[in-house]
Amino acid sequence: MELVELESSDELYKQALDLRYDLFFRTPGLPREILFDGLESRSLHVAVIDRGSLYAYGRLSEEGPRLFKISQVVVRPNMQGQGLGTRVLGKLMDLALDRGAEEIYLNARLHAISMYEKLGFTTSGDSYIAQRTGVPHIKMVKRV
């Protein structure tokens, strides 16, 4: 399996959009257009691929001077628990550091807190219900 950066014109990027929609937005009945938020076009996109198929994905967005956000991290359900999400996160963190990051943050689903803690993120504030999906999340931060 290979870790790659995706361009929005890549066929694999289209697979990433499908996976993100299926895992995050289909169940609450949200329109597919929700994928194209204000960060999508100006983000870096990273994926784990193998033989033309996408297995894991995440994106990195610069939100301000030295402040980066990791979002939309997904792993195909049949591939979870194999470290693919951690590989994507490691690459996203490296890309942020290469660009001068002092702080990286993400909004984690509660069941994923321990995975992010292993990568040096700490919780910040109280958990909350995401407005768009109704799923509980908590902000997590890593200062570098």
N, C-alpha and C. Protein backbone atom coordinates (compact mmCIF):
# COMPACT_ATOMS: atom_id res chain seq x y z
N MET A 1 0.85 -1.18 0.00
CA MET A 1 0.00 0.00 0.00
C MET A 1 0.89 1.24 0.00
N GLU A 2 0.38 2.26 -0.62
CA GLU A 2 1.16 3.45 -0.87
C GLU A 2 0.44 4.69 -0.32
N LEU A 3 1.21 5.62 0.23
CA LEU A 3 0.68 6.88 0.75
C LEU A 3 0.96 7.96 -0.28
N VAL A 4 -0.09 8.64 -0.74
CA VAL A 4 0.08 9.61 -1.83
C VAL A 4 -0.70 10.89 -1.53
N GLU A 5 -0.27 11.99 -2.19
CA GLU A 5 -1.06 13.21 -2.19
C GLU A 5 -1.94 13.18 -3.43
N LEU A 6 -3.18 13.62 -3.28
CA LEU A 6 -4.14 13.61 -4.39
C LEU A 6 -4.39 15.02 -4.91
N GLU A 7 -4.63 15.10 -6.19
CA GLU A 7 -5.11 16.33 -6.82
C GLU A 7 -6.61 16.17 -7.05
N SER A 8 -7.34 17.28 -7.09
CA SER A 8 -8.79 17.19 -7.25
C SER A 8 -9.20 16.61 -8.60
N SER A 9 -8.27 16.55 -9.55
CA SER A 9 -8.59 15.98 -10.86
C SER A 9 -8.36 14.46 -10.90
N ASP A 10 -7.77 13.88 -9.85
CA ASP A 10 -7.46 12.45 -9.83
C ASP A 10 -8.73 11.61 -9.65
N GLU A 11 -8.76 10.47 -10.29
CA GLU A 11 -9.85 9.52 -10.09
C GLU A 11 -9.92 9.08 -8.62
N LEU A 12 -8.75 8.93 -7.98
CA LEU A 12 -8.73 8.52 -6.58
C LEU A 12 -9.35 9.57 -5.66
N TYR A 13 -9.26 10.83 -6.05
CA TYR A 13 -9.90 11.89 -5.27
C TYR A 13 -11.42 11.69 -5.31
N LYS A 14 -11.94 11.29 -6.45
CA LYS A 14 -13.37 11.02 -6.55
C LYS A 14 -13.76 9.85 -5.62
N GLN A 15 -12.88 8.85 -5.51
CA GLN A 15 -13.14 7.75 -4.57
C GLN A 15 -13.15 8.26 -3.13
N ALA A 16 -12.26 9.21 -2.83
CA ALA A 16 -12.21 9.78 -1.49
C ALA A 16 -13.51 10.52 -1.18
N LEU A 17 -14.00 11.29 -2.13
CA LEU A 17 -15.27 11.99 -1.93
C LEU A 17 -16.40 11.00 -1.66
N ASP A 18 -16.44 9.91 -2.42
CA ASP A 18 -17.48 8.89 -2.22
C ASP A 18 -17.40 8.29 -0.82
N LEU A 19 -16.18 7.95 -0.38
CA LEU A 19 -16.00 7.34 0.93
C LEU A 19 -16.40 8.32 2.04
N ARG A 20 -15.97 9.56 1.91
CA ARG A 20 -16.33 10.57 2.90
C ARG A 20 -17.84 10.74 2.98
N TYR A 21 -18.49 10.83 1.83
CA TYR A 21 -19.94 11.01 1.83
C TYR A 21 -20.63 9.80 2.49
N ASP A 22 -20.21 8.60 2.07
CA ASP A 22 -20.84 7.39 2.61
C ASP A 22 -20.70 7.28 4.12
N LEU A 23 -19.52 7.61 4.65
CA LEU A 23 -19.28 7.39 6.08
C LEU A 23 -19.72 8.55 6.97
N PHE A 24 -19.76 9.77 6.44
CA PHE A 24 -20.08 10.91 7.29
C PHE A 24 -21.45 11.53 7.04
N PHE A 25 -21.90 11.56 5.81
CA PHE A 25 -23.04 12.41 5.47
C PHE A 25 -24.26 11.70 4.91
N ARG A 26 -24.12 10.48 4.41
CA ARG A 26 -25.26 9.78 3.81
C ARG A 26 -26.34 9.46 4.86
N THR A 27 -25.93 8.89 5.99
CA THR A 27 -26.90 8.48 7.01
C THR A 27 -27.74 9.64 7.52
N PRO A 28 -27.13 10.82 7.82
CA PRO A 28 -28.00 11.92 8.23
C PRO A 28 -28.78 12.56 7.08
N GLY A 29 -28.62 12.03 5.86
CA GLY A 29 -29.41 12.50 4.72
C GLY A 29 -29.00 13.86 4.18
N LEU A 30 -27.73 14.19 4.35
CA LEU A 30 -27.24 15.49 3.87
C LEU A 30 -26.90 15.44 2.39
N PRO A 31 -27.02 16.55 1.69
CA PRO A 31 -26.71 16.56 0.26
C PRO A 31 -25.21 16.40 0.01
N ARG A 32 -24.87 15.80 -1.11
CA ARG A 32 -23.47 15.56 -1.45
C ARG A 32 -22.65 16.85 -1.50
N GLU A 33 -23.30 17.95 -1.80
CA GLU A 33 -22.60 19.24 -1.89
C GLU A 33 -21.94 19.64 -0.57
N ILE A 34 -22.34 19.02 0.52
CA ILE A 34 -21.75 19.34 1.82
C ILE A 34 -20.25 19.06 1.85
N LEU A 35 -19.80 18.17 0.95
CA LEU A 35 -18.38 17.84 0.87
C LEU A 35 -17.54 19.05 0.48
N PHE A 36 -18.13 19.97 -0.24
CA PHE A 36 -17.38 21.09 -0.81
C PHE A 36 -17.54 22.33 0.06
N ASP A 37 -16.98 22.25 1.26
CA ASP A 37 -17.03 23.38 2.18
C ASP A 37 -15.95 24.40 1.81
N GLY A 38 -15.78 25.41 2.63
CA GLY A 38 -14.83 26.46 2.32
C GLY A 38 -13.38 26.02 2.33
N LEU A 39 -13.09 24.84 2.87
CA LEU A 39 -11.70 24.37 2.95
C LEU A 39 -11.31 23.45 1.80
N GLU A 40 -12.26 22.81 1.18
CA GLU A 40 -11.98 21.72 0.23
C GLU A 40 -10.99 22.11 -0.86
N SER A 41 -11.23 23.22 -1.54
CA SER A 41 -10.40 23.55 -2.71
C SER A 41 -9.01 24.05 -2.33
N ARG A 42 -8.82 24.46 -1.08
CA ARG A 42 -7.51 24.97 -0.70
C ARG A 42 -6.78 24.06 0.29
N SER A 43 -7.18 22.81 0.33
CA SER A 43 -6.58 21.83 1.24
C SER A 43 -5.65 20.88 0.49
N LEU A 44 -4.77 20.24 1.27
CA LEU A 44 -3.96 19.14 0.76
C LEU A 44 -4.72 17.86 1.07
N HIS A 45 -4.69 16.92 0.13
CA HIS A 45 -5.44 15.68 0.25
C HIS A 45 -4.47 14.51 0.21
N VAL A 46 -4.55 13.62 1.21
CA VAL A 46 -3.63 12.50 1.34
C VAL A 46 -4.43 11.21 1.42
N ALA A 47 -3.92 10.15 0.79
CA ALA A 47 -4.65 8.88 0.80
C ALA A 47 -3.70 7.69 0.84
N VAL A 48 -4.20 6.60 1.39
CA VAL A 48 -3.54 5.29 1.27
C VAL A 48 -4.25 4.57 0.14
N ILE A 49 -3.46 4.17 -0.85
CA ILE A 49 -4.03 3.50 -2.02
C ILE A 49 -3.30 2.18 -2.28
N ASP A 50 -3.95 1.33 -3.04
CA ASP A 50 -3.33 0.08 -3.48
C ASP A 50 -4.06 -0.39 -4.73
N ARG A 51 -3.31 -0.62 -5.79
CA ARG A 51 -3.84 -1.13 -7.05
C ARG A 51 -5.07 -0.36 -7.52
N GLY A 52 -4.98 0.95 -7.49
CA GLY A 52 -6.06 1.77 -8.02
C GLY A 52 -7.25 1.98 -7.12
N SER A 53 -7.18 1.47 -5.89
CA SER A 53 -8.28 1.65 -4.94
C SER A 53 -7.81 2.47 -3.74
N LEU A 54 -8.72 3.29 -3.23
CA LEU A 54 -8.44 4.13 -2.08
C LEU A 54 -8.97 3.45 -0.82
N TYR A 55 -8.11 3.39 0.21
CA TYR A 55 -8.48 2.73 1.45
C TYR A 55 -8.59 3.67 2.65
N ALA A 56 -7.89 4.80 2.60
CA ALA A 56 -7.94 5.76 3.70
C ALA A 56 -7.63 7.14 3.13
N TYR A 57 -8.13 8.18 3.82
CA TYR A 57 -8.00 9.54 3.31
C TYR A 57 -8.03 10.54 4.46
N GLY A 58 -7.40 11.68 4.26
CA GLY A 58 -7.51 12.80 5.18
C GLY A 58 -7.10 14.08 4.46
N ARG A 59 -7.51 15.21 5.01
CA ARG A 59 -7.11 16.48 4.39
C ARG A 59 -6.52 17.42 5.43
N LEU A 60 -5.68 18.31 4.94
CA LEU A 60 -5.00 19.30 5.77
C LEU A 60 -5.28 20.68 5.20
N SER A 61 -5.68 21.59 6.09
CA SER A 61 -6.02 22.95 5.67
C SER A 61 -5.27 23.95 6.54
N GLU A 62 -4.67 24.94 5.90
CA GLU A 62 -4.04 26.03 6.66
C GLU A 62 -5.13 27.04 6.98
N GLU A 63 -5.35 27.26 8.28
CA GLU A 63 -6.43 28.15 8.70
C GLU A 63 -5.94 29.53 9.12
N GLY A 64 -4.67 29.67 9.31
CA GLY A 64 -4.09 30.94 9.72
C GLY A 64 -2.58 30.76 9.79
N PRO A 65 -1.87 31.83 10.13
CA PRO A 65 -0.42 31.70 10.24
C PRO A 65 -0.04 30.61 11.24
N ARG A 66 0.61 29.59 10.75
CA ARG A 66 1.11 28.48 11.58
C ARG A 66 0.02 27.64 12.26
N LEU A 67 -1.24 27.80 11.80
CA LEU A 67 -2.37 27.05 12.36
C LEU A 67 -2.98 26.17 11.26
N PHE A 68 -3.02 24.87 11.52
CA PHE A 68 -3.51 23.90 10.54
C PHE A 68 -4.61 23.04 11.14
N LYS A 69 -5.53 22.63 10.26
CA LYS A 69 -6.64 21.77 10.66
C LYS A 69 -6.59 20.49 9.85
N ILE A 70 -6.71 19.36 10.55
CA ILE A 70 -6.86 18.06 9.91
C ILE A 70 -8.35 17.72 9.96
N SER A 71 -8.89 17.26 8.85
CA SER A 71 -10.32 16.93 8.82
C SER A 71 -10.61 15.83 7.81
N GLN A 72 -11.83 15.33 7.88
CA GLN A 72 -12.35 14.36 6.92
C GLN A 72 -11.52 13.08 6.86
N VAL A 73 -10.94 12.65 7.98
CA VAL A 73 -10.14 11.42 8.01
C VAL A 73 -11.09 10.23 7.99
N VAL A 74 -10.94 9.39 6.97
CA VAL A 74 -11.79 8.20 6.83
C VAL A 74 -10.96 6.99 6.43
N VAL A 75 -11.42 5.83 6.88
CA VAL A 75 -10.83 4.55 6.49
C VAL A 75 -11.98 3.64 6.10
N ARG A 76 -11.82 2.95 4.98
CA ARG A 76 -12.86 1.99 4.58
C ARG A 76 -13.18 1.07 5.75
N PRO A 77 -14.45 0.84 6.01
CA PRO A 77 -14.82 0.02 7.17
C PRO A 77 -14.12 -1.35 7.22
N ASN A 78 -13.97 -1.99 6.09
CA ASN A 78 -13.34 -3.32 6.09
C ASN A 78 -11.83 -3.27 6.27
N MET A 79 -11.25 -2.05 6.33
CA MET A 79 -9.80 -1.89 6.49
C MET A 79 -9.45 -1.21 7.81
N GLN A 80 -10.44 -0.93 8.65
CA GLN A 80 -10.17 -0.25 9.92
C GLN A 80 -9.40 -1.17 10.86
N GLY A 81 -8.62 -0.54 11.75
CA GLY A 81 -7.84 -1.31 12.72
C GLY A 81 -6.51 -1.81 12.19
N GLN A 82 -6.11 -1.36 11.02
CA GLN A 82 -4.85 -1.81 10.42
C GLN A 82 -3.80 -0.70 10.34
N GLY A 83 -4.07 0.43 11.00
CA GLY A 83 -3.09 1.51 11.04
C GLY A 83 -3.12 2.46 9.86
N LEU A 84 -4.10 2.32 8.98
CA LEU A 84 -4.14 3.18 7.79
C LEU A 84 -4.46 4.63 8.16
N GLY A 85 -5.38 4.82 9.09
CA GLY A 85 -5.70 6.17 9.54
C GLY A 85 -4.49 6.84 10.18
N THR A 86 -3.75 6.07 10.96
CA THR A 86 -2.55 6.61 11.60
C THR A 86 -1.50 7.00 10.55
N ARG A 87 -1.38 6.22 9.49
CA ARG A 87 -0.44 6.58 8.42
C ARG A 87 -0.85 7.89 7.77
N VAL A 88 -2.14 8.05 7.48
CA VAL A 88 -2.63 9.29 6.87
C VAL A 88 -2.36 10.47 7.81
N LEU A 89 -2.68 10.29 9.09
CA LEU A 89 -2.47 11.37 10.05
C LEU A 89 -1.00 11.75 10.16
N GLY A 90 -0.11 10.76 10.17
CA GLY A 90 1.32 11.05 10.23
C GLY A 90 1.78 11.89 9.06
N LYS A 91 1.30 11.55 7.87
CA LYS A 91 1.66 12.32 6.67
C LYS A 91 1.10 13.74 6.74
N LEU A 92 -0.15 13.88 7.18
CA LEU A 92 -0.75 15.21 7.30
C LEU A 92 0.01 16.07 8.31
N MET A 93 0.43 15.47 9.42
CA MET A 93 1.20 16.22 10.42
C MET A 93 2.56 16.62 9.85
N ASP A 94 3.21 15.72 9.11
CA ASP A 94 4.50 16.05 8.47
C ASP A 94 4.33 17.22 7.50
N LEU A 95 3.27 17.19 6.70
CA LEU A 95 3.02 18.28 5.75
C LEU A 95 2.80 19.61 6.47
N ALA A 96 2.09 19.56 7.59
CA ALA A 96 1.86 20.78 8.37
C ALA A 96 3.19 21.31 8.93
N LEU A 97 4.00 20.42 9.46
CA LEU A 97 5.30 20.84 10.01
C LEU A 97 6.19 21.42 8.92
N ASP A 98 6.18 20.80 7.74
CA ASP A 98 6.96 21.32 6.61
C ASP A 98 6.54 22.74 6.24
N ARG A 99 5.30 23.10 6.56
CA ARG A 99 4.76 24.42 6.22
C ARG A 99 4.80 25.38 7.41
N GLY A 100 5.53 24.99 8.47
CA GLY A 100 5.74 25.88 9.61
C GLY A 100 4.70 25.84 10.70
N ALA A 101 3.96 24.76 10.80
CA ALA A 101 2.90 24.66 11.81
C ALA A 101 3.44 24.81 13.22
N GLU A 102 2.71 25.58 14.03
CA GLU A 102 2.94 25.63 15.47
C GLU A 102 1.81 24.94 16.21
N GLU A 103 0.64 24.88 15.56
CA GLU A 103 -0.50 24.20 16.16
C GLU A 103 -1.29 23.49 15.07
N ILE A 104 -1.67 22.26 15.37
CA ILE A 104 -2.52 21.45 14.48
C ILE A 104 -3.72 21.03 15.33
N TYR A 105 -4.90 21.16 14.75
CA TYR A 105 -6.07 20.72 15.51
C TYR A 105 -7.01 19.92 14.62
N LEU A 106 -7.92 19.23 15.26
CA LEU A 106 -8.94 18.45 14.56
C LEU A 106 -10.14 18.33 15.48
N ASN A 107 -11.26 17.95 14.91
CA ASN A 107 -12.48 17.69 15.67
C ASN A 107 -12.74 16.20 15.59
N ALA A 108 -12.50 15.51 16.70
CA ALA A 108 -12.54 14.05 16.73
C ALA A 108 -13.89 13.52 17.15
N ARG A 109 -14.29 12.44 16.50
CA ARG A 109 -15.42 11.67 17.03
C ARG A 109 -14.93 11.04 18.34
N LEU A 110 -15.82 10.92 19.30
CA LEU A 110 -15.40 10.52 20.64
C LEU A 110 -14.72 9.15 20.67
N HIS A 111 -15.15 8.22 19.83
CA HIS A 111 -14.55 6.89 19.84
C HIS A 111 -13.10 6.90 19.34
N ALA A 112 -12.66 7.99 18.69
CA ALA A 112 -11.32 8.05 18.13
C ALA A 112 -10.32 8.82 19.00
N ILE A 113 -10.76 9.30 20.15
CA ILE A 113 -9.88 10.12 21.00
C ILE A 113 -8.56 9.42 21.28
N SER A 114 -8.59 8.16 21.67
CA SER A 114 -7.34 7.47 22.06
C SER A 114 -6.36 7.38 20.90
N MET A 115 -6.84 7.20 19.68
CA MET A 115 -5.93 7.15 18.52
C MET A 115 -5.21 8.48 18.37
N TYR A 116 -5.95 9.58 18.50
CA TYR A 116 -5.33 10.90 18.36
C TYR A 116 -4.39 11.20 19.53
N GLU A 117 -4.74 10.74 20.72
CA GLU A 117 -3.86 10.95 21.88
C GLU A 117 -2.51 10.27 21.66
N LYS A 118 -2.52 9.09 21.05
CA LYS A 118 -1.26 8.37 20.78
C LYS A 118 -0.36 9.16 19.85
N LEU A 119 -0.95 10.08 19.07
CA LEU A 119 -0.18 10.90 18.13
C LEU A 119 0.15 12.28 18.72
N GLY A 120 -0.13 12.47 20.01
CA GLY A 120 0.26 13.69 20.68
C GLY A 120 -0.80 14.76 20.77
N PHE A 121 -2.02 14.46 20.35
CA PHE A 121 -3.12 15.43 20.47
C PHE A 121 -3.71 15.35 21.87
N THR A 122 -4.18 16.50 22.38
CA THR A 122 -4.88 16.53 23.66
C THR A 122 -6.25 17.18 23.46
N THR A 123 -7.21 16.75 24.26
CA THR A 123 -8.55 17.31 24.13
C THR A 123 -8.55 18.77 24.60
N SER A 124 -9.43 19.54 24.03
CA SER A 124 -9.55 20.96 24.36
C SER A 124 -11.04 21.30 24.49
N GLY A 125 -11.47 21.66 25.69
CA GLY A 125 -12.86 22.00 25.89
C GLY A 125 -13.74 20.78 26.07
N ASP A 126 -15.03 21.01 25.98
CA ASP A 126 -16.01 19.95 26.18
C ASP A 126 -16.44 19.36 24.84
N SER A 127 -16.98 18.16 24.89
CA SER A 127 -17.52 17.56 23.68
C SER A 127 -18.77 18.35 23.25
N TYR A 128 -19.11 18.22 22.00
CA TYR A 128 -20.25 18.94 21.44
C TYR A 128 -20.86 18.09 20.34
N ILE A 129 -22.07 18.43 19.95
CA ILE A 129 -22.75 17.74 18.87
C ILE A 129 -22.50 18.54 17.58
N ALA A 130 -21.90 17.89 16.57
CA ALA A 130 -21.64 18.56 15.30
C ALA A 130 -22.96 19.01 14.67
N GLN A 131 -23.03 20.26 14.29
CA GLN A 131 -24.28 20.81 13.75
C GLN A 131 -24.75 20.07 12.51
N ARG A 132 -23.83 19.76 11.61
CA ARG A 132 -24.24 19.18 10.33
C ARG A 132 -24.65 17.71 10.43
N THR A 133 -23.99 16.95 11.30
CA THR A 133 -24.23 15.50 11.31
C THR A 133 -24.93 15.00 12.57
N GLY A 134 -24.93 15.80 13.63
CA GLY A 134 -25.53 15.35 14.88
C GLY A 134 -24.66 14.36 15.65
N VAL A 135 -23.40 14.19 15.25
CA VAL A 135 -22.49 13.24 15.88
C VAL A 135 -21.63 13.96 16.93
N PRO A 136 -21.49 13.38 18.13
CA PRO A 136 -20.64 14.00 19.16
C PRO A 136 -19.17 14.05 18.72
N HIS A 137 -18.53 15.20 18.96
CA HIS A 137 -17.12 15.42 18.66
C HIS A 137 -16.47 16.17 19.82
N ILE A 138 -15.14 16.22 19.79
CA ILE A 138 -14.39 17.06 20.71
C ILE A 138 -13.18 17.61 19.96
N LYS A 139 -12.84 18.86 20.23
CA LYS A 139 -11.66 19.47 19.62
C LYS A 139 -10.42 18.87 20.28
N MET A 140 -9.43 18.56 19.44
CA MET A 140 -8.15 18.07 19.92
C MET A 140 -7.04 18.89 19.28
N VAL A 141 -6.01 19.17 20.06
CA VAL A 141 -4.95 20.08 19.63
C VAL A 141 -3.59 19.45 19.85
N LYS A 142 -2.68 19.74 18.93
CA LYS A 142 -1.26 19.35 19.09
C LYS A 142 -0.44 20.60 18.82
N ARG A 143 0.33 21.01 19.81
CA ARG A 143 1.23 22.16 19.63
C ARG A 143 2.61 21.61 19.36
N VAL A 144 3.29 22.22 18.38
CA VAL A 144 4.61 21.70 17.98
C VAL A 144 5.68 22.77 18.07
